[in-house]
């Protein structure tokens, strides 16, 4: 089967907000498609595993991650066909020798650096610096795509726009 490693090492089901919702939907789709042809493996921070298993709602393959080094070692041991990093960037798997699809919703740190404390700003900058090595960067709008092209060295043919959806059946 095609092995897809899902990088959820930054997952915090109680705190991630919008990017957590994107990660949840991507994970749900992969779980729904799993079978003989596709084997998703979820790399999850140790403390989030019980919540993640409950959230998944059915048995899934989960590999615990304690540290960034752990995560990279696990990826190298699993040797996935593809890594999907649906939260925000590829950390801590930015430098592994496997194709990575990652999600970046915006370039807020470039557009409004004053909104970030120095440490957070530097962390985000490292996320953007790693993007050119991604096989594909997914973002949520044409505006965000244009801003990524303006602020990073990602090649235009590697950025895809997938707009946000909405819940079906929700009343206004």
Protein backbone atom coordinates (compact mmCIF):
# COMPACT_ATOMS: atom_id res chain seq x y z
CA UNK A 1 0.00 0.00 0.00
CA UNK A 2 0.88 3.66 -0.44
CA UNK A 3 2.12 4.91 2.96
CA UNK A 4 1.16 8.46 3.87
CA UNK A 5 2.74 9.82 7.05
CA UNK A 6 0.57 12.57 8.53
CA UNK A 7 2.65 15.03 10.53
CA UNK A 8 0.52 16.04 13.49
CA UNK A 9 3.41 16.67 15.88
CA UNK A 10 2.18 20.24 16.46
CA UNK A 11 -1.41 19.12 17.03
CA UNK A 12 -3.23 20.42 20.07
CA UNK A 13 -6.87 19.48 19.66
CA UNK A 14 -7.87 22.00 22.33
CA UNK A 15 -5.87 24.96 20.95
CA UNK A 16 -5.13 24.80 17.20
CA UNK A 17 -8.15 26.73 15.95
CA UNK A 18 -8.53 27.09 12.18
CA UNK A 19 -5.41 25.17 11.18
CA UNK A 20 -6.50 22.42 13.57
CA UNK A 21 -9.79 22.22 11.70
CA UNK A 22 -7.94 21.87 8.39
CA UNK A 23 -5.72 19.15 9.88
CA UNK A 24 -8.80 17.38 11.24
CA UNK A 25 -10.53 17.38 7.86
CA UNK A 26 -7.42 16.18 6.02
CA UNK A 27 -6.94 13.42 8.60
CA UNK A 28 -10.58 12.40 8.37
CA UNK A 29 -10.36 12.14 4.59
CA UNK A 30 -7.25 9.98 4.81
CA UNK A 31 -8.84 7.76 7.46
CA UNK A 32 -11.94 7.36 5.28
CA UNK A 33 -9.78 6.40 2.26
CA UNK A 34 -7.52 3.99 4.15
CA UNK A 35 -7.47 0.39 3.03
CA UNK A 36 -5.45 -1.90 0.79
CA UNK A 37 -4.31 0.98 -1.43
CA UNK A 38 -3.63 3.65 1.21
CA UNK A 39 -2.15 3.31 4.67
CA UNK A 40 -2.15 6.56 6.65
CA UNK A 41 0.20 6.66 9.63
CA UNK A 42 -0.27 9.51 12.10
CA UNK A 43 2.74 11.02 13.85
CA UNK A 44 1.27 12.59 16.99
CA UNK A 45 2.84 14.24 20.02
CA UNK A 46 2.78 11.81 22.93
CA UNK A 47 0.39 13.84 25.10
CA UNK A 48 -2.19 14.19 22.33
CA UNK A 49 -2.48 10.49 21.47
CA UNK A 50 -5.50 9.66 23.71
CA UNK A 51 -7.48 12.68 22.43
CA UNK A 52 -6.43 11.94 18.85
CA UNK A 53 -7.50 8.28 19.06
CA UNK A 54 -10.88 9.30 20.52
CA UNK A 55 -11.27 11.96 17.86
CA UNK A 56 -10.38 9.51 15.03
CA UNK A 57 -13.29 7.34 16.15
CA UNK A 58 -11.81 4.14 14.79
CA UNK A 59 -8.51 2.29 14.99
CA UNK A 60 -5.68 4.11 13.24
CA UNK A 61 -1.92 3.66 13.19
CA UNK A 62 -0.41 6.26 15.51
CA UNK A 63 3.31 6.73 16.10
CA UNK A 64 4.19 8.74 19.21
CA UNK A 65 6.55 11.68 18.97
CA UNK A 66 8.39 12.93 22.02
CA UNK A 67 10.88 15.30 20.38
CA UNK A 68 11.75 16.68 16.95
CA UNK A 69 14.59 14.18 16.68
CA UNK A 70 12.10 11.40 17.47
CA UNK A 71 9.80 12.58 14.71
CA UNK A 72 12.59 12.59 12.12
CA UNK A 73 13.79 9.15 13.22
CA UNK A 74 10.25 7.81 12.94
CA UNK A 75 9.83 9.26 9.46
CA UNK A 76 13.13 7.71 8.35
CA UNK A 77 12.12 4.33 9.82
CA UNK A 78 8.65 4.39 8.24
CA UNK A 79 9.97 5.53 4.83
CA UNK A 80 6.63 6.97 3.67
CA UNK A 81 5.74 7.54 0.05
CA UNK A 82 4.46 10.96 1.07
CA UNK A 83 4.33 13.17 4.15
CA UNK A 84 1.28 15.37 4.63
CA UNK A 85 1.84 18.21 7.07
CA UNK A 86 -1.58 19.87 7.39
CA UNK A 87 -1.06 22.17 10.36
CA UNK A 88 1.39 24.99 9.58
CA UNK A 89 4.56 24.14 7.75
CA UNK A 90 6.68 21.02 7.81
CA UNK A 91 8.30 21.22 11.23
CA UNK A 92 9.93 19.03 12.45
CA UNK A 93 10.05 17.10 9.16
CA UNK A 94 11.35 19.85 6.90
CA UNK A 95 14.63 18.15 6.11
CA UNK A 96 13.63 14.51 5.62
CA UNK A 97 14.22 12.85 2.23
CA UNK A 98 10.56 12.28 1.37
CA UNK A 99 8.08 14.40 -0.59
CA UNK A 100 6.07 16.70 1.66
CA UNK A 101 2.77 18.46 1.10
CA UNK A 102 2.24 21.22 3.62
CA UNK A 103 -0.38 23.83 4.41
CA UNK A 104 0.32 27.52 5.00
CA UNK A 105 -2.80 29.65 5.48
CA UNK A 106 -1.22 33.09 5.41
CA UNK A 107 1.87 35.28 5.58
CA UNK A 108 0.79 37.30 8.58
CA UNK A 109 4.28 37.35 10.10
CA UNK A 110 5.57 39.17 6.99
CA UNK A 111 2.59 41.46 6.63
CA UNK A 112 2.25 42.36 10.32
CA UNK A 113 5.40 41.37 12.23
CA UNK A 114 4.36 43.64 15.09
CA UNK A 115 1.69 41.10 16.03
CA UNK A 116 4.34 38.53 17.00
CA UNK A 117 6.77 38.42 19.86
CA UNK A 118 10.36 38.02 18.68
CA UNK A 119 10.61 34.30 19.46
CA UNK A 120 7.31 33.48 17.70
CA UNK A 121 8.29 35.65 14.74
CA UNK A 122 11.64 33.84 14.37
CA UNK A 123 9.91 30.44 14.63
CA UNK A 124 7.50 31.36 11.88
CA UNK A 125 10.32 32.65 9.69
CA UNK A 126 12.00 29.22 9.96
CA UNK A 127 8.74 27.65 8.76
CA UNK A 128 8.73 29.88 5.67
CA UNK A 129 12.46 29.34 5.03
CA UNK A 130 11.85 25.57 4.70
CA UNK A 131 8.96 25.88 2.23
CA UNK A 132 10.99 25.75 -1.00
CA UNK A 133 11.85 22.11 -0.24
CA UNK A 134 8.15 21.13 -0.14
CA UNK A 135 6.73 19.16 -3.03
CA UNK A 136 3.53 21.18 -2.70
CA UNK A 137 2.39 24.09 -0.54
CA UNK A 138 -1.35 24.44 -0.10
CA UNK A 139 -2.89 27.74 0.91
CA UNK A 140 -6.43 28.99 1.40
CA UNK A 141 -6.78 31.86 -1.11
CA UNK A 142 -5.28 33.49 -4.18
CA UNK A 143 -4.27 36.41 -1.98
CA UNK A 144 -2.31 34.07 0.31
CA UNK A 145 -0.71 32.43 -2.73
CA UNK A 146 0.35 35.82 -4.07
CA UNK A 147 1.80 36.75 -0.68
CA UNK A 148 3.72 33.46 -0.45
CA UNK A 149 5.20 34.17 -3.88
CA UNK A 150 6.09 37.68 -2.76
CA UNK A 151 7.69 36.71 0.57
CA UNK A 152 9.23 33.27 -0.05
CA UNK A 153 11.31 31.39 -2.59
CA UNK A 154 8.60 28.78 -3.30
CA UNK A 155 8.20 28.19 -7.03
CA UNK A 156 4.78 29.22 -8.39
CA UNK A 157 4.01 25.75 -9.74
CA UNK A 158 4.37 24.29 -6.24
CA UNK A 159 1.66 26.42 -4.60
CA UNK A 160 -1.98 25.32 -4.81
CA UNK A 161 -5.03 27.17 -3.60
CA UNK A 162 -7.71 25.12 -1.90
CA UNK A 163 -10.37 27.40 -0.50
CA UNK A 164 -11.97 26.78 2.82
CA UNK A 165 -15.28 24.94 2.76
CA UNK A 166 -18.19 25.15 5.09
CA UNK A 167 -20.27 22.75 7.07
CA UNK A 168 -23.20 21.35 5.13
CA UNK A 169 -26.61 21.89 6.61
CA UNK A 170 -25.65 24.79 8.85
CA UNK A 171 -28.40 27.38 9.15
CA UNK A 172 -27.51 31.07 8.75
